């Protein structure tokens, strides 16, 4: 069975280098972000406040978001 995420990221292309499809991924992330109808920070805060997300999960998500933001900003 094919891995759709792997295929989407260019896993079947001749060039399997780590940055072979980085620009494509960045473009897709930007398209996804522009399609959001709510503020992601507000939505996550609501999950934390409601108890649907633990403080540990919030901290992990925050760290991942910071890493992704640095990657997107080229830092």
N, C-alpha and C. Protein backbone atom coordinates (compact mmCIF):
# COMPACT_ATOMS: atom_id res chain seq x y z
N UNK A 1 0.85 -1.18 0.00
CA UNK A 1 0.00 0.00 0.00
C UNK A 1 0.89 1.24 0.00
N UNK A 2 0.60 2.19 -0.85
CA UNK A 2 1.41 3.40 -0.98
C UNK A 2 1.20 4.33 0.19
N UNK A 3 2.25 5.00 0.57
CA UNK A 3 2.19 6.00 1.63
C UNK A 3 1.91 7.34 0.97
N UNK A 4 0.69 7.86 1.15
CA UNK A 4 0.28 9.09 0.46
C UNK A 4 1.12 10.29 0.87
N UNK A 5 1.46 10.39 2.16
CA UNK A 5 2.28 11.51 2.61
C UNK A 5 3.66 11.44 1.98
N UNK A 6 4.23 10.25 1.94
CA UNK A 6 5.55 10.06 1.32
C UNK A 6 5.49 10.47 -0.15
N UNK A 7 4.44 10.04 -0.84
CA UNK A 7 4.29 10.39 -2.26
C UNK A 7 4.12 11.89 -2.44
N UNK A 8 3.31 12.53 -1.57
CA UNK A 8 3.07 13.96 -1.65
C UNK A 8 4.36 14.76 -1.46
N UNK A 9 5.25 14.25 -0.61
CA UNK A 9 6.50 14.94 -0.35
C UNK A 9 7.57 14.60 -1.38
N UNK A 10 7.21 13.81 -2.38
CA UNK A 10 8.14 13.51 -3.46
C UNK A 10 8.98 12.29 -3.21
N UNK A 11 8.52 11.39 -2.40
CA UNK A 11 9.28 10.19 -2.07
C UNK A 11 9.56 9.29 -3.24
N UNK A 12 8.78 9.40 -4.30
CA UNK A 12 8.98 8.54 -5.46
C UNK A 12 9.80 9.23 -6.55
N UNK A 13 10.27 10.42 -6.31
CA UNK A 13 11.05 11.12 -7.32
C UNK A 13 12.48 10.62 -7.35
N UNK A 14 13.18 10.96 -8.40
CA UNK A 14 14.58 10.54 -8.54
C UNK A 14 15.46 11.16 -7.47
N UNK A 15 15.19 12.42 -7.11
CA UNK A 15 16.00 13.13 -6.13
C UNK A 15 15.36 12.99 -4.76
N UNK A 16 15.92 12.16 -3.91
CA UNK A 16 15.35 11.94 -2.59
C UNK A 16 16.07 12.73 -1.51
N UNK A 17 16.80 13.76 -1.89
CA UNK A 17 17.48 14.59 -0.92
C UNK A 17 16.51 15.25 0.03
N UNK A 18 16.96 15.63 1.22
CA UNK A 18 16.04 16.18 2.22
C UNK A 18 15.37 17.47 1.82
N UNK A 19 15.94 18.20 0.87
CA UNK A 19 15.34 19.48 0.47
C UNK A 19 14.79 19.45 -0.95
N UNK A 20 14.64 18.25 -1.50
CA UNK A 20 14.21 18.15 -2.90
C UNK A 20 12.84 18.77 -3.13
N UNK A 21 11.96 18.68 -2.16
CA UNK A 21 10.62 19.24 -2.32
C UNK A 21 10.27 20.20 -1.19
N UNK A 22 11.27 20.82 -0.57
CA UNK A 22 11.02 21.71 0.56
C UNK A 22 10.15 22.89 0.15
N UNK A 23 10.41 23.47 -1.01
CA UNK A 23 9.62 24.62 -1.45
C UNK A 23 8.17 24.22 -1.67
N UNK A 24 7.95 23.04 -2.21
CA UNK A 24 6.58 22.54 -2.40
C UNK A 24 5.88 22.39 -1.06
N UNK A 25 6.57 21.86 -0.07
CA UNK A 25 6.00 21.70 1.26
C UNK A 25 5.67 23.05 1.88
N UNK A 26 6.57 24.00 1.75
CA UNK A 26 6.33 25.34 2.29
C UNK A 26 5.11 25.96 1.62
N UNK A 27 4.99 25.80 0.30
CA UNK A 27 3.83 26.34 -0.41
C UNK A 27 2.54 25.71 0.08
N UNK A 28 2.56 24.40 0.29
CA UNK A 28 1.36 23.71 0.76
C UNK A 28 1.00 24.16 2.18
N UNK A 29 1.99 24.35 3.03
CA UNK A 29 1.73 24.83 4.38
C UNK A 29 1.13 26.23 4.35
N UNK A 30 1.66 27.08 3.48
CA UNK A 30 1.12 28.44 3.37
C UNK A 30 -0.31 28.43 2.86
N UNK A 31 -0.62 27.55 1.90
CA UNK A 31 -1.99 27.44 1.41
C UNK A 31 -2.91 26.96 2.52
N UNK A 32 -2.45 25.99 3.30
CA UNK A 32 -3.25 25.48 4.41
C UNK A 32 -3.51 26.59 5.42
N UNK A 33 -2.46 27.34 5.76
CA UNK A 33 -2.59 28.41 6.74
C UNK A 33 -3.56 29.49 6.26
N UNK A 34 -3.50 29.82 4.98
CA UNK A 34 -4.39 30.86 4.47
C UNK A 34 -5.85 30.40 4.45
N UNK A 35 -6.08 29.10 4.44
CA UNK A 35 -7.44 28.57 4.44
C UNK A 35 -8.06 28.43 5.82
N UNK A 36 -7.29 28.67 6.86
CA UNK A 36 -7.82 28.54 8.21
C UNK A 36 -8.83 29.65 8.48
N UNK A 37 -9.94 29.28 9.09
CA UNK A 37 -10.99 30.25 9.36
C UNK A 37 -10.91 30.81 10.78
N UNK A 38 -10.13 30.18 11.63
CA UNK A 38 -10.00 30.61 13.03
C UNK A 38 -8.54 30.85 13.35
N UNK A 39 -8.31 31.58 14.40
CA UNK A 39 -6.96 31.83 14.87
C UNK A 39 -6.44 30.56 15.55
N UNK A 40 -5.38 29.95 15.02
CA UNK A 40 -4.88 28.70 15.60
C UNK A 40 -4.48 28.84 17.06
N UNK A 41 -3.89 29.98 17.42
CA UNK A 41 -3.48 30.18 18.82
C UNK A 41 -4.70 30.19 19.73
N UNK A 42 -5.75 30.85 19.29
CA UNK A 42 -6.98 30.92 20.07
C UNK A 42 -7.60 29.53 20.21
N UNK A 43 -7.60 28.77 19.13
CA UNK A 43 -8.19 27.44 19.16
C UNK A 43 -7.42 26.53 20.12
N UNK A 44 -6.09 26.59 20.09
CA UNK A 44 -5.28 25.78 21.00
C UNK A 44 -5.50 26.22 22.44
N UNK A 45 -5.60 27.52 22.67
CA UNK A 45 -5.84 28.02 24.02
C UNK A 45 -7.18 27.52 24.55
N UNK A 46 -8.18 27.47 23.68
CA UNK A 46 -9.49 26.95 24.08
C UNK A 46 -9.41 25.47 24.45
N UNK A 47 -8.62 24.70 23.71
CA UNK A 47 -8.43 23.29 24.05
C UNK A 47 -7.76 23.14 25.41
N UNK A 48 -6.78 23.97 25.67
CA UNK A 48 -6.10 23.94 26.96
C UNK A 48 -7.05 24.33 28.09
N UNK A 49 -7.79 25.40 27.89
CA UNK A 49 -8.73 25.88 28.92
C UNK A 49 -9.84 24.88 29.21
N UNK A 50 -10.27 24.15 28.18
CA UNK A 50 -11.37 23.21 28.36
C UNK A 50 -10.91 21.88 28.97
N UNK A 51 -9.61 21.66 29.02
CA UNK A 51 -9.10 20.41 29.56
C UNK A 51 -8.97 19.33 28.50
N UNK A 52 -9.29 19.64 27.25
CA UNK A 52 -9.15 18.66 26.17
C UNK A 52 -7.68 18.47 25.78
N UNK A 53 -6.83 19.39 26.23
CA UNK A 53 -5.40 19.31 25.98
C UNK A 53 -4.69 19.56 27.31
N UNK A 54 -3.70 18.72 27.59
CA UNK A 54 -2.95 18.90 28.84
C UNK A 54 -1.88 19.97 28.66
N UNK A 55 -1.34 20.44 29.77
CA UNK A 55 -0.26 21.43 29.70
C UNK A 55 0.95 20.84 29.00
N UNK A 56 1.21 19.55 29.23
CA UNK A 56 2.33 18.87 28.58
C UNK A 56 2.14 18.84 27.07
N UNK A 57 0.93 18.51 26.62
CA UNK A 57 0.64 18.50 25.19
C UNK A 57 0.78 19.90 24.60
N UNK A 58 0.31 20.89 25.35
CA UNK A 58 0.43 22.28 24.90
C UNK A 58 1.90 22.66 24.73
N UNK A 59 2.72 22.29 25.70
CA UNK A 59 4.14 22.61 25.63
C UNK A 59 4.80 21.94 24.43
N UNK A 60 4.45 20.67 24.18
CA UNK A 60 5.01 19.95 23.03
C UNK A 60 4.58 20.60 21.72
N UNK A 61 3.32 20.96 21.62
CA UNK A 61 2.81 21.61 20.42
C UNK A 61 3.50 22.96 20.21
N UNK A 62 3.69 23.68 21.28
CA UNK A 62 4.35 24.98 21.20
C UNK A 62 5.79 24.83 20.68
N UNK A 63 6.50 23.83 21.17
CA UNK A 63 7.86 23.58 20.71
C UNK A 63 7.89 23.22 19.23
N UNK A 64 6.96 22.36 18.81
CA UNK A 64 6.90 21.97 17.40
C UNK A 64 6.58 23.18 16.52
N UNK A 65 5.65 24.01 16.96
CA UNK A 65 5.28 25.20 16.20
C UNK A 65 6.46 26.15 16.06
N UNK A 66 7.22 26.30 17.12
CA UNK A 66 8.40 27.16 17.08
C UNK A 66 9.42 26.63 16.09
N UNK A 67 9.63 25.32 16.08
CA UNK A 67 10.58 24.71 15.14
C UNK A 67 10.13 24.88 13.71
N UNK A 68 8.84 24.68 13.46
CA UNK A 68 8.31 24.84 12.11
C UNK A 68 8.42 26.29 11.66
N UNK A 69 8.13 27.21 12.57
CA UNK A 69 8.21 28.63 12.23
C UNK A 69 9.64 29.02 11.87
N UNK A 70 10.60 28.52 12.62
CA UNK A 70 12.01 28.80 12.31
C UNK A 70 12.37 28.25 10.94
N UNK A 71 11.87 27.04 10.62
CA UNK A 71 12.17 26.42 9.34
C UNK A 71 11.57 27.25 8.21
N UNK A 72 10.33 27.70 8.39
CA UNK A 72 9.67 28.48 7.35
C UNK A 72 10.31 29.85 7.16
N UNK A 73 10.86 30.39 8.23
CA UNK A 73 11.52 31.70 8.14
C UNK A 73 12.97 31.60 7.73
N UNK A 74 13.46 30.37 7.55
CA UNK A 74 14.83 30.16 7.10
C UNK A 74 15.87 30.37 8.17
N UNK A 75 15.51 30.19 9.43
CA UNK A 75 16.47 30.39 10.52
C UNK A 75 16.90 29.08 11.08
